[in-house]
């Protein structure tokens, strides 16, 4: 299934968390086409989330402080959604306990 733009932006921000990457490296780590990566990077750069750095005649990309903050917020939101889905799967009613039958007490009384 094809990823949405938001998922592509999230993937790029996640890939840039710990290191500087080139367009080719980003495309490989995000599983996207280089043209898509360039378009997404242009948007992220325009909005101040990613910055370009020149290193040995190569253009590398890194997160700005604003980009790091947005990435952390997205990661927390994603984790909360996962926890919410996990909680929904646990279908336990509060204060619902199984009642032991009275049959277990009767043999003890007969002795």
PDB file of N, CA and C in Angstrom:
ATOM      1  N   UNK A   1       0.840  -1.177   0.000  1.00  0.00           N
ATOM      2  CA  UNK A   1       0.000   0.000   0.000  1.00  0.00           C
ATOM      3  C   UNK A   1       0.889   1.246   0.000  1.00  0.00           C
ATOM      4  N   UNK A   2       0.473   2.235  -0.717  1.00  0.00           N
ATOM      5  CA  UNK A   2       1.241   3.456  -0.862  1.00  0.00           C
ATOM      6  C   UNK A   2       1.169   4.302   0.405  1.00  0.00           C
ATOM      7  N   UNK A   3       2.304   4.899   0.771  1.00  0.00           N
ATOM      8  CA  UNK A   3       2.365   5.748   1.964  1.00  0.00           C
ATOM      9  C   UNK A   3       1.784   7.125   1.651  1.00  0.00           C
ATOM     10  N   UNK A   4       1.199   7.733   2.662  1.00  0.00           N
ATOM     11  CA  UNK A   4       0.697   9.097   2.517  1.00  0.00           C
ATOM     12  C   UNK A   4       1.871  10.078   2.627  1.00  0.00           C
ATOM     13  N   UNK A   5       1.606  11.327   2.299  1.00  0.00           N
ATOM     14  CA  UNK A   5       2.649  12.345   2.425  1.00  0.00           C
ATOM     15  C   UNK A   5       3.111  12.480   3.867  1.00  0.00           C
ATOM     16  N   UNK A   6       2.160  12.460   4.788  1.00  0.00           N
ATOM     17  CA  UNK A   6       2.507  12.584   6.201  1.00  0.00           C
ATOM     18  C   UNK A   6       3.419  11.440   6.641  1.00  0.00           C
ATOM     19  N   UNK A   7       3.119  10.224   6.201  1.00  0.00           N
ATOM     20  CA  UNK A   7       3.971   9.082   6.544  1.00  0.00           C
ATOM     21  C   UNK A   7       5.361   9.240   5.937  1.00  0.00           C
ATOM     22  N   UNK A   8       5.440   9.791   4.738  1.00  0.00           N
ATOM     23  CA  UNK A   8       6.746  10.048   4.120  1.00  0.00           C
ATOM     24  C   UNK A   8       7.529  11.100   4.904  1.00  0.00           C
ATOM     25  N   UNK A   9       6.838  12.161   5.331  1.00  0.00           N
ATOM     26  CA  UNK A   9       7.508  13.188   6.134  1.00  0.00           C
ATOM     27  C   UNK A   9       8.009  12.593   7.453  1.00  0.00           C
ATOM     28  N   UNK A  10       7.174  11.784   8.080  1.00  0.00           N
ATOM     29  CA  UNK A  10       7.574  11.136   9.335  1.00  0.00           C
ATOM     30  C   UNK A  10       8.793  10.245   9.128  1.00  0.00           C
ATOM     31  N   UNK A  11       8.812   9.494   8.037  1.00  0.00           N
ATOM     32  CA  UNK A  11       9.932   8.594   7.756  1.00  0.00           C
ATOM     33  C   UNK A  11      11.222   9.382   7.568  1.00  0.00           C
ATOM     34  N   UNK A  12      11.145  10.499   6.862  1.00  0.00           N
ATOM     35  CA  UNK A  12      12.338  11.329   6.642  1.00  0.00           C
ATOM     36  C   UNK A  12      12.826  11.913   7.965  1.00  0.00           C
ATOM     37  N   UNK A  13      11.911  12.446   8.753  1.00  0.00           N
ATOM     38  CA  UNK A  13      12.310  13.010  10.046  1.00  0.00           C
ATOM     39  C   UNK A  13      12.924  11.946  10.946  1.00  0.00           C
ATOM     40  N   UNK A  14      12.349  10.756  10.947  1.00  0.00           N
ATOM     41  CA  UNK A  14      12.884   9.658  11.760  1.00  0.00           C
ATOM     42  C   UNK A  14      14.281   9.256  11.289  1.00  0.00           C
ATOM     43  N   UNK A  15      14.485   9.222   9.990  1.00  0.00           N
ATOM     44  CA  UNK A  15      15.796   8.834   9.459  1.00  0.00           C
ATOM     45  C   UNK A  15      16.869   9.862   9.796  1.00  0.00           C
ATOM     46  N   UNK A  16      16.467  11.125   9.931  1.00  0.00           N
ATOM     47  CA  UNK A  16      17.439  12.193  10.187  1.00  0.00           C
ATOM     48  C   UNK A  16      17.673  12.454  11.679  1.00  0.00           C
ATOM     49  N   UNK A  17      17.101  11.658  12.549  1.00  0.00           N
ATOM     50  CA  UNK A  17      17.219  11.905  13.994  1.00  0.00           C
ATOM     51  C   UNK A  17      18.669  11.872  14.457  1.00  0.00           C
ATOM     52  N   UNK A  18      19.407  10.862  14.089  1.00  0.00           N
ATOM     53  CA  UNK A  18      20.751  10.667  14.644  1.00  0.00           C
ATOM     54  C   UNK A  18      21.896  11.057  13.723  1.00  0.00           C
ATOM     55  N   UNK A  19      21.618  11.332  12.476  1.00  0.00           N
ATOM     56  CA  UNK A  19      22.728  11.525  11.539  1.00  0.00           C
ATOM     57  C   UNK A  19      22.347  12.426  10.363  1.00  0.00           C
ATOM     58  N   UNK A  20      23.344  12.893   9.695  1.00  0.00           N
ATOM     59  CA  UNK A  20      23.193  13.658   8.465  1.00  0.00           C
ATOM     60  C   UNK A  20      23.124  12.639   7.331  1.00  0.00           C
ATOM     61  N   UNK A  21      22.216  12.849   6.383  1.00  0.00           N
ATOM     62  CA  UNK A  21      22.076  11.915   5.272  1.00  0.00           C
ATOM     63  C   UNK A  21      21.939  12.657   3.955  1.00  0.00           C
ATOM     64  N   UNK A  22      22.369  11.997   2.895  1.00  0.00           N
ATOM     65  CA  UNK A  22      22.190  12.528   1.545  1.00  0.00           C
ATOM     66  C   UNK A  22      20.822  12.092   1.024  1.00  0.00           C
ATOM     67  N   UNK A  23      20.452  12.602  -0.141  1.00  0.00           N
ATOM     68  CA  UNK A  23      19.173  12.240  -0.745  1.00  0.00           C
ATOM     69  C   UNK A  23      19.130  10.739  -1.031  1.00  0.00           C
ATOM     70  N   UNK A  24      20.226  10.191  -1.559  1.00  0.00           N
ATOM     71  CA  UNK A  24      20.265   8.759  -1.866  1.00  0.00           C
ATOM     72  C   UNK A  24      20.094   7.914  -0.608  1.00  0.00           C
ATOM     73  N   UNK A  25      20.782   8.285   0.455  1.00  0.00           N
ATOM     74  CA  UNK A  25      20.686   7.544   1.709  1.00  0.00           C
ATOM     75  C   UNK A  25      19.275   7.636   2.300  1.00  0.00           C
ATOM     76  N   UNK A  26      18.679   8.814   2.204  1.00  0.00           N
ATOM     77  CA  UNK A  26      17.309   8.982   2.687  1.00  0.00           C
ATOM     78  C   UNK A  26      16.333   8.139   1.871  1.00  0.00           C
ATOM     79  N   UNK A  27      16.504   8.149   0.569  1.00  0.00           N
ATOM     80  CA  UNK A  27      15.620   7.365  -0.298  1.00  0.00           C
ATOM     81  C   UNK A  27      15.715   5.880   0.045  1.00  0.00           C
ATOM     82  N   UNK A  28      16.928   5.409   0.283  1.00  0.00           N
ATOM     83  CA  UNK A  28      17.112   3.994   0.624  1.00  0.00           C
ATOM     84  C   UNK A  28      16.506   3.666   1.989  1.00  0.00           C
ATOM     85  N   UNK A  29      16.787   4.501   2.995  1.00  0.00           N
ATOM     86  CA  UNK A  29      16.311   4.195   4.344  1.00  0.00           C
ATOM     87  C   UNK A  29      14.796   4.379   4.481  1.00  0.00           C
ATOM     88  N   UNK A  30      14.199   5.249   3.672  1.00  0.00           N
ATOM     89  CA  UNK A  30      12.755   5.487   3.759  1.00  0.00           C
ATOM     90  C   UNK A  30      11.959   4.658   2.751  1.00  0.00           C
ATOM     91  N   UNK A  31      12.648   4.013   1.835  1.00  0.00           N
ATOM     92  CA  UNK A  31      11.962   3.209   0.829  1.00  0.00           C
ATOM     93  C   UNK A  31      11.179   4.056  -0.161  1.00  0.00           C
ATOM     94  N   UNK A  32      11.755   5.196  -0.533  1.00  0.00           N
ATOM     95  CA  UNK A  32      11.075   6.109  -1.460  1.00  0.00           C
ATOM     96  C   UNK A  32      11.966   6.362  -2.666  1.00  0.00           C
ATOM     97  N   UNK A  33      11.383   6.962  -3.677  1.00  0.00           N
ATOM     98  CA  UNK A  33      12.092   7.380  -4.875  1.00  0.00           C
ATOM     99  C   UNK A  33      12.843   8.672  -4.564  1.00  0.00           C
ATOM    100  N   UNK A  34      13.985   8.891  -5.202  1.00  0.00           N
ATOM    101  CA  UNK A  34      14.790  10.103  -4.954  1.00  0.00           C
ATOM    102  C   UNK A  34      14.013  11.377  -5.277  1.00  0.00           C
ATOM    103  N   UNK A  35      13.189  11.329  -6.326  1.00  0.00           N
ATOM    104  CA  UNK A  35      12.399  12.505  -6.692  1.00  0.00           C
ATOM    105  C   UNK A  35      11.419  12.846  -5.569  1.00  0.00           C
ATOM    106  N   UNK A  36      10.783  11.844  -4.992  1.00  0.00           N
ATOM    107  CA  UNK A  36       9.871  12.078  -3.875  1.00  0.00           C
ATOM    108  C   UNK A  36      10.614  12.660  -2.677  1.00  0.00           C
ATOM    109  N   UNK A  37      11.787  12.120  -2.402  1.00  0.00           N
ATOM    110  CA  UNK A  37      12.577  12.607  -1.267  1.00  0.00           C
ATOM    111  C   UNK A  37      12.937  14.074  -1.469  1.00  0.00           C
ATOM    112  N   UNK A  38      13.344  14.431  -2.673  1.00  0.00           N
ATOM    113  CA  UNK A  38      13.706  15.830  -2.964  1.00  0.00           C
ATOM    114  C   UNK A  38      12.501  16.747  -2.764  1.00  0.00           C
ATOM    115  N   UNK A  39      11.322  16.311  -3.230  1.00  0.00           N
ATOM    116  CA  UNK A  39      10.109  17.120  -3.047  1.00  0.00           C
ATOM    117  C   UNK A  39       9.769  17.277  -1.565  1.00  0.00           C
ATOM    118  N   UNK A  40       9.852  16.202  -0.813  1.00  0.00           N
ATOM    119  CA  UNK A  40       9.528  16.252   0.616  1.00  0.00           C
ATOM    120  C   UNK A  40      10.556  17.095   1.372  1.00  0.00           C
ATOM    121  N   UNK A  41      11.836  16.967   0.987  1.00  0.00           N
ATOM    122  CA  UNK A  41      12.881  17.766   1.639  1.00  0.00           C
ATOM    123  C   UNK A  41      12.702  19.250   1.360  1.00  0.00           C
ATOM    124  N   UNK A  42      12.253  19.593   0.153  1.00  0.00           N
ATOM    125  CA  UNK A  42      12.009  21.000  -0.181  1.00  0.00           C
ATOM    126  C   UNK A  42      10.941  21.579   0.742  1.00  0.00           C
ATOM    127  N   UNK A  43       9.872  20.818   0.971  1.00  0.00           N
ATOM    128  CA  UNK A  43       8.811  21.265   1.875  1.00  0.00           C
ATOM    129  C   UNK A  43       9.322  21.389   3.312  1.00  0.00           C
ATOM    130  N   UNK A  44      10.058  20.376   3.767  1.00  0.00           N
ATOM    131  CA  UNK A  44      10.571  20.391   5.139  1.00  0.00           C
ATOM    132  C   UNK A  44      11.588  21.520   5.341  1.00  0.00           C
ATOM    133  N   UNK A  45      12.408  21.791   4.339  1.00  0.00           N
ATOM    134  CA  UNK A  45      13.388  22.877   4.416  1.00  0.00           C
ATOM    135  C   UNK A  45      12.676  24.232   4.434  1.00  0.00           C
ATOM    136  N   UNK A  46      11.670  24.369   3.580  1.00  0.00           N
ATOM    137  CA  UNK A  46      10.916  25.616   3.498  1.00  0.00           C
ATOM    138  C   UNK A  46      10.250  25.945   4.839  1.00  0.00           C
ATOM    139  N   UNK A  47       9.823  24.929   5.561  1.00  0.00           N
ATOM    140  CA  UNK A  47       9.141  25.130   6.842  1.00  0.00           C
ATOM    141  C   UNK A  47      10.076  25.074   8.046  1.00  0.00           C
ATOM    142  N   UNK A  48      11.375  25.010   7.803  1.00  0.00           N
ATOM    143  CA  UNK A  48      12.351  25.112   8.882  1.00  0.00           C
ATOM    144  C   UNK A  48      12.541  23.865   9.716  1.00  0.00           C
ATOM    145  N   UNK A  49      12.181  22.692   9.187  1.00  0.00           N
ATOM    146  CA  UNK A  49      12.349  21.450   9.926  1.00  0.00           C
ATOM    147  C   UNK A  49      13.652  20.739   9.585  1.00  0.00           C
ATOM    148  N   UNK A  50      14.143  20.984   8.379  1.00  0.00           N
ATOM    149  CA  UNK A  50      15.366  20.336   7.894  1.00  0.00           C
ATOM    150  C   UNK A  50      16.264  21.423   7.316  1.00  0.00           C
ATOM    151  N   UNK A  51      17.572  21.231   7.468  1.00  0.00           N
ATOM    152  CA  UNK A  51      18.532  22.171   6.895  1.00  0.00           C
ATOM    153  C   UNK A  51      19.539  21.428   6.024  1.00  0.00           C
ATOM    154  N   UNK A  52      20.046  22.129   5.025  1.00  0.00           N
ATOM    155  CA  UNK A  52      21.067  21.571   4.136  1.00  0.00           C
ATOM    156  C   UNK A  52      22.446  21.913   4.676  1.00  0.00           C
ATOM    157  N   UNK A  53      23.357  20.968   4.569  1.00  0.00           N
ATOM    158  CA  UNK A  53      24.756  21.176   4.956  1.00  0.00           C
ATOM    159  C   UNK A  53      25.633  20.708   3.797  1.00  0.00           C
ATOM    160  N   UNK A  54      26.665  21.449   3.521  1.00  0.00           N
ATOM    161  CA  UNK A  54      27.626  21.053   2.496  1.00  0.00           C
ATOM    162  C   UNK A  54      28.826  20.412   3.167  1.00  0.00           C
ATOM    163  N   UNK A  55      29.177  19.220   2.741  1.00  0.00           N
ATOM    164  CA  UNK A  55      30.301  18.501   3.320  1.00  0.00           C
ATOM    165  C   UNK A  55      31.013  17.732   2.211  1.00  0.00           C
ATOM    166  N   UNK A  56      32.253  18.104   1.916  1.00  0.00           N
ATOM    167  CA  UNK A  56      33.053  17.437   0.877  1.00  0.00           C
ATOM    168  C   UNK A  56      32.303  17.353  -0.452  1.00  0.00           C
ATOM    169  N   UNK A  57      31.818  18.493  -0.924  1.00  0.00           N
ATOM    170  CA  UNK A  57      31.091  18.583  -2.188  1.00  0.00           C
ATOM    171  C   UNK A  57      29.831  17.722  -2.234  1.00  0.00           C
ATOM    172  N   UNK A  58      29.287  17.427  -1.090  1.00  0.00           N
ATOM    173  CA  UNK A  58      28.063  16.647  -0.999  1.00  0.00           C
ATOM    174  C   UNK A  58      27.049  17.425  -0.179  1.00  0.00           C
ATOM    175  N   UNK A  59      25.788  17.350  -0.570  1.00  0.00           N
ATOM    176  CA  UNK A  59      24.733  17.994   0.195  1.00  0.00           C
ATOM    177  C   UNK A  59      24.132  16.976   1.148  1.00  0.00           C
ATOM    178  N   UNK A  60      24.220  17.283   2.429  1.00  0.00           N
ATOM    179  CA  UNK A  60      23.648  16.418   3.452  1.00  0.00           C
ATOM    180  C   UNK A  60      22.518  17.170   4.147  1.00  0.00           C
ATOM    181  N   UNK A  61      21.593  16.421   4.697  1.00  0.00           N
ATOM    182  CA  UNK A  61      20.441  17.017   5.360  1.00  0.00           C
ATOM    183  C   UNK A  61      20.422  16.612   6.823  1.00  0.00           C
ATOM    184  N   UNK A  62      19.974  17.548   7.662  1.00  0.00           N
ATOM    185  CA  UNK A  62      19.907  17.314   9.106  1.00  0.00           C
ATOM    186  C   UNK A  62      18.667  18.006   9.662  1.00  0.00           C
ATOM    187  N   UNK A  63      18.220  17.560  10.814  1.00  0.00           N
ATOM    188  CA  UNK A  63      17.085  18.186  11.472  1.00  0.00           C
ATOM    189  C   UNK A  63      17.509  19.469  12.170  1.00  0.00           C
ATOM    190  N   UNK A  64      16.645  20.447  12.144  1.00  0.00           N
ATOM    191  CA  UNK A  64      16.844  21.642  12.949  1.00  0.00           C
ATOM    192  C   UNK A  64      16.250  21.364  14.335  1.00  0.00           C
ATOM    193  N   UNK A  65      16.381  22.326  15.244  1.00  0.00           N
ATOM    194  CA  UNK A  65      15.782  22.150  16.567  1.00  0.00           C
ATOM    195  C   UNK A  65      14.262  22.012  16.452  1.00  0.00           C
ATOM    196  N   UNK A  66      13.695  22.795  15.568  1.00  0.00           N
ATOM    197  CA  UNK A  66      12.245  22.714  15.340  1.00  0.00           C
ATOM    198  C   UNK A  66      11.868  21.338  14.776  1.00  0.00           C
ATOM    199  N   UNK A  67      12.667  20.845  13.842  1.00  0.00           N
ATOM    200  CA  UNK A  67      12.424  19.531  13.264  1.00  0.00           C
ATOM    201  C   UNK A  67      12.529  18.424  14.302  1.00  0.00           C
ATOM    202  N   UNK A  68      13.492  18.547  15.196  1.00  0.00           N
ATOM    203  CA  UNK A  68      13.668  17.558  16.263  1.00  0.00           C
ATOM    204  C   UNK A  68      12.454  17.563  17.194  1.00  0.00           C
ATOM    205  N   UNK A  69      11.956  18.743  17.510  1.00  0.00           N
ATOM    206  CA  UNK A  69      10.778  18.854  18.374  1.00  0.00           C
ATOM    207  C   UNK A  69       9.552  18.225  17.712  1.00  0.00           C
ATOM    208  N   UNK A  70       9.353  18.516  16.444  1.00  0.00           N
ATOM    209  CA  UNK A  70       8.217  17.942  15.706  1.00  0.00           C
ATOM    210  C   UNK A  70       8.352  16.424  15.639  1.00  0.00           C
ATOM    211  N   UNK A  71       9.548  15.937  15.383  1.00  0.00           N
ATOM    212  CA  UNK A  71       9.766  14.485  15.283  1.00  0.00           C
ATOM    213  C   UNK A  71       9.461  13.805  16.609  1.00  0.00           C
ATOM    214  N   UNK A  72       9.903  14.396  17.708  1.00  0.00           N
ATOM    215  CA  UNK A  72       9.624  13.818  19.033  1.00  0.00           C
ATOM    216  C   UNK A  72       8.128  13.799  19.316  1.00  0.00           C
ATOM    217  N   UNK A  73       7.441  14.865  18.946  1.00  0.00           N
ATOM    218  CA  UNK A  73       5.997  14.932  19.147  1.00  0.00           C
ATOM    219  C   UNK A  73       5.287  13.859  18.335  1.00  0.00           C
ATOM    220  N   UNK A  74       5.694  13.680  17.091  1.00  0.00           N
ATOM    221  CA  UNK A  74       5.094  12.645  16.247  1.00  0.00           C
ATOM    222  C   UNK A  74       5.370  11.254  16.803  1.00  0.00           C
ATOM    223  N   UNK A  75       6.579  11.035  17.312  1.00  0.00           N
ATOM    224  CA  UNK A  75       6.932   9.730  17.881  1.00  0.00           C
ATOM    225  C   UNK A  75       6.095   9.438  19.129  1.00  0.00           C
ATOM    226  N   UNK A  76       5.909  10.443  19.964  1.00  0.00           N
ATOM    227  CA  UNK A  76       5.096  10.255  21.171  1.00  0.00           C
ATOM    228  C   UNK A  76       3.644   9.974  20.791  1.00  0.00           C
ATOM    229  N   UNK A  77       3.126  10.727  19.832  1.00  0.00           N
ATOM    230  CA  UNK A  77       1.745  10.518  19.387  1.00  0.00           C
ATOM    231  C   UNK A  77       1.554   9.129  18.811  1.00  0.00           C
ATOM    232  N   UNK A  78       2.510   8.686  18.023  1.00  0.00           N
ATOM    233  CA  UNK A  78       2.435   7.348  17.430  1.00  0.00           C
ATOM    234  C   UNK A  78       2.469   6.281  18.519  1.00  0.00           C
ATOM    235  N   UNK A  79       3.316   6.467  19.513  1.00  0.00           N
ATOM    236  CA  UNK A  79       3.418   5.505  20.618  1.00  0.00           C
ATOM    237  C   UNK A  79       2.121   5.474  21.439  1.00  0.00           C
ATOM    238  N   UNK A  80       1.533   6.633  21.664  1.00  0.00           N
ATOM    239  CA  UNK A  80       0.263   6.689  22.395  1.00  0.00           C
ATOM    240  C   UNK A  80      -0.856   5.986  21.623  1.00  0.00           C
ATOM    241  N   UNK A  81      -0.864   6.145  20.306  1.00  0.00           N
ATOM    242  CA  UNK A  81      -1.856   5.448  19.486  1.00  0.00           C
ATOM    243  C   UNK A  81      -1.679   3.936  19.571  1.00  0.00           C
ATOM    244  N   UNK A  82      -0.426   3.486  19.585  1.00  0.00           N
ATOM    245  CA  UNK A  82      -0.156   2.049  19.717  1.00  0.00           C
ATOM    246  C   UNK A  82      -0.634   1.542  21.079  1.00  0.00           C
ATOM    247  N   UNK A  83      -0.379   2.315  22.130  1.00  0.00           N
ATOM    248  CA  UNK A  83      -0.830   1.919  23.465  1.00  0.00           C
ATOM    249  C   UNK A  83      -2.353   1.898  23.556  1.00  0.00           C
ATOM    250  N   UNK A  84      -2.988   2.875  22.921  1.00  0.00           N
ATOM    251  CA  UNK A  84      -4.444   2.924  22.928  1.00  0.00           C
ATOM    252  C   UNK A  84      -5.019   1.694  22.222  1.00  0.00           C
ATOM    253  N   UNK A  85      -4.412   1.287  21.132  1.00  0.00           N
ATOM    254  CA  UNK A  85      -4.872   0.088  20.422  1.00  0.00           C
ATOM    255  C   UNK A  85      -4.654  -1.157  21.275  1.00  0.00           C
ATOM    256  N   UNK A  86      -3.547  -1.191  22.009  1.00  0.00           N
ATOM    257  CA  UNK A  86      -3.262  -2.329  22.879  1.00  0.00           C
ATOM    258  C   UNK A  86      -4.264  -2.392  24.023  1.00  0.00           C
ATOM    259  N   UNK A  87      -4.584  -1.253  24.579  1.00  0.00           N
ATOM    260  CA  UNK A  87      -5.535  -1.205  25.686  1.00  0.00           C
ATOM    261  C   UNK A  87      -6.921  -1.654  25.225  1.00  0.00           C
ATOM    262  N   UNK A  88      -7.302  -1.293  24.007  1.00  0.00           N
ATOM    263  CA  UNK A  88      -8.605  -1.697  23.491  1.00  0.00           C
ATOM    264  C   UNK A  88      -8.701  -3.206  23.334  1.00  0.00           C
ATOM    265  N   UNK A  89      -7.579  -3.861  23.052  1.00  0.00           N
ATOM    266  CA  UNK A  89      -7.617  -5.311  22.870  1.00  0.00           C
ATOM    267  C   UNK A  89      -7.784  -6.044  24.187  1.00  0.00           C
ATOM    268  N   UNK A  90      -7.382  -5.414  25.266  1.00  0.00           N
ATOM    269  CA  UNK A  90      -7.571  -6.014  26.582  1.00  0.00           C
ATOM    270  C   UNK A  90      -9.007  -5.712  26.996  1.00  0.00           C
ATOM    271  N   UNK A  91      -9.817  -6.729  27.004  1.00  0.00           N
ATOM    272  CA  UNK A  91     -11.242  -6.531  27.250  1.00  0.00           C
ATOM    273  C   UNK A  91     -11.595  -7.063  28.631  1.00  0.00           C
ATOM    274  N   UNK A  92     -11.118  -6.381  29.643  1.00  0.00           N
ATOM    275  CA  UNK A  92     -11.366  -6.790  31.012  1.00  0.00           C
ATOM    276  C   UNK A  92     -12.215  -5.723  31.679  1.00  0.00           C
ATOM    277  N   UNK A  93     -13.307  -6.145  32.280  1.00  0.00           N
ATOM    278  CA  UNK A  93     -14.149  -5.196  32.992  1.00  0.00           C
ATOM    279  C   UNK A  93     -13.536  -4.951  34.365  1.00  0.00           C
ATOM    280  N   UNK A  94     -13.540  -3.709  34.818  1.00  0.00           N
ATOM    281  CA  UNK A  94     -12.991  -3.442  36.146  1.00  0.00           C
ATOM    282  C   UNK A  94     -13.856  -4.088  37.223  1.00  0.00           C
ATOM    283  N   UNK A  95     -13.217  -4.609  38.213  1.00  0.00           N
ATOM    284  CA  UNK A  95     -13.851  -5.235  39.362  1.00  0.00           C
ATOM    285  C   UNK A  95     -14.683  -6.470  39.002  1.00  0.00           C
ATOM    286  N   UNK A  96     -14.391  -7.082  37.889  1.00  0.00           N
ATOM    287  CA  UNK A  96     -15.099  -8.307  37.515  1.00  0.00           C
ATOM    288  C   UNK A  96     -14.214  -9.484  37.886  1.00  0.00           C
ATOM    289  N   UNK A  97     -14.618 -10.206  38.899  1.00  0.00           N
ATOM    290  CA  UNK A  97     -13.856 -11.355  39.355  1.00  0.00           C
ATOM    291  C   UNK A  97     -14.724 -12.592  39.208  1.00  0.00           C
ATOM    292  N   UNK A  98     -14.079 -13.711  39.012  1.00  0.00           N
ATOM    293  CA  UNK A  98     -14.835 -14.953  38.934  1.00  0.00           C
ATOM    294  C   UNK A  98     -15.191 -15.388  40.341  1.00  0.00           C
ATOM    295  N   UNK A  99     -16.413 -15.780  40.500  1.00  0.00           N
ATOM    296  CA  UNK A  99     -16.888 -16.207  41.806  1.00  0.00           C
ATOM    297  C   UNK A  99     -16.653 -17.707  41.934  1.00  0.00           C
ATOM    298  N   UNK A 100     -16.069 -18.102  43.032  1.00  0.00           N
ATOM    299  CA  UNK A 100     -15.864 -19.518  43.265  1.00  0.00           C
ATOM    300  C   UNK A 100     -17.191 -20.139  43.668  1.00  0.00           C
ATOM    301  N   UNK A 101     -17.410 -21.321  43.198  1.00  0.00           N
ATOM    302  CA  UNK A 101     -18.672 -21.983  43.537  1.00  0.00           C
ATOM    303  C   UNK A 101     -18.653 -22.439  45.001  1.00  0.00           C
ATOM    304  N   UNK A 102     -19.804 -22.590  45.562  1.00  0.00           N
ATOM    305  CA  UNK A 102     -19.924 -23.013  46.952  1.00  0.00           C
ATOM    306  C   UNK A 102     -19.608 -24.494  47.121  1.00  0.00           C
ATOM    307  N   UNK A 103     -19.517 -25.241  46.025  1.00  0.00           N
ATOM    308  CA  UNK A 103     -19.232 -26.675  46.091  1.00  0.00           C
ATOM    309  C   UNK A 103     -17.860 -26.952  46.679  1.00  0.00           C
ATOM    310  N   UNK A 104     -16.927 -26.054  46.523  1.00  0.00           N
ATOM    311  CA  UNK A 104     -15.584 -26.286  47.042  1.00  0.00           C
ATOM    312  C   UNK A 104     -15.551 -26.173  48.552  1.00  0.00           C
ATOM    313  N   UNK A 105     -16.470 -25.424  49.133  1.00  0.00           N
ATOM    314  CA  UNK A 105     -16.489 -25.252  50.585  1.00  0.00           C
ATOM    315  C   UNK A 105     -17.206 -26.403  51.294  1.00  0.00           C
ATOM    316  N   UNK A 106     -18.162 -27.037  50.653  1.00  0.00           N
ATOM    317  CA  UNK A 106     -18.955 -28.094  51.292  1.00  0.00           C
ATOM    318  C   UNK A 106     -18.134 -29.306  51.730  1.00  0.00           C
ATOM    319  N   UNK A 107     -17.220 -29.837  50.900  1.00  0.00           N
ATOM    320  CA  UNK A 107     -16.448 -30.984  51.364  1.00  0.00           C
ATOM    321  C   UNK A 107     -15.611 -30.651  52.588  1.00  0.00           C
ATOM    322  N   UNK A 108     -15.151 -29.430  52.701  1.00  0.00           N
ATOM    323  CA  UNK A 108     -14.368 -29.054  53.875  1.00  0.00           C
ATOM    324  C   UNK A 108     -15.226 -29.054  55.133  1.00  0.00           C
ATOM    325  N   UNK A 109     -16.476 -28.693  55.027  1.00  0.00           N
ATOM    326  CA  UNK A 109     -17.388 -28.645  56.179  1.00  0.00           C
ATOM    327  C   UNK A 109     -17.788 -30.055  56.623  1.00  0.00           C
ATOM    328  N   UNK A 110     -17.824 -30.998  55.713  1.00  0.00           N
ATOM    329  CA  UNK A 110     -18.264 -32.351  56.038  1.00  0.00           C
ATOM    330  C   UNK A 110     -17.257 -33.096  56.888  1.00  0.00           C
ATOM    331  N   UNK A 111     -16.057 -32.775  56.899  1.00  0.00           N
ATOM    332  CA  UNK A 111     -15.018 -33.488  57.638  1.00  0.00           C
ATOM    333  C   UNK A 111     -15.155 -33.306  59.059  1.00  0.00           C
TER     334      UNK A 111
END
